[in-house]
Amino acid sequence: ISDELSVLDPHLFFDNTEEVACANGLVDSKAKNKVTCVVCKVEVCNTARQRHVFMVHVKKEDMYQCPECDYLNSNSVWEAKKHCTSQHGKGVEPISNEEKHKSLILMWNKRCFPDWKQKRPQWWSSDENANGLASYGSNRDFKDTKLDNDEVTAMIR
């Protein structure tokens, strides 16, 4: 489902070309901080890693949803907020389903960018395990965890 305002000008939020390119999920030739996804070998801007993981690997259409209509967004809370405000007025906030897909997000973040030292997102704050991987066993090194196809399929469902 799309809006009439489906393109947000990132220049409204970012100061330089590198940040704008990253906000679009693109890698600008001027970008200095590029990283490569070890899963698909795609080079992305350092600040676009989560967007890459959401769009290319997690692929959950309902990552963010509008509480007022059937609008869904798979990768951008900002786009979902823009939809809510433009279509339903101030005060309408999108529903985040990051918690619902948390295990899948964490798995792909680690697989794609194993050395990524993330700032801890708010939805991890209630976890007892510092790296948010309690469901995999607190003493296991997730980077070395091998999941078979059935385990990955179960996480996707």
Foldseek 3Di string as FASTA:
>chain_A
DADPPRDDQCVVPDDDPCVRCQVVFHGDPPQDAWDAFPPPRDITRPNNLLQCCQVPPLPDQAQKAWPPDGHTHRGDQVSVQVCCCVPPNPPGHIDGCCVVLVVVSLLSSCNGPVPDDDDDDPSQVVDPAPSSPVVVPNPDDSNPDDDDPVVNVVSSD
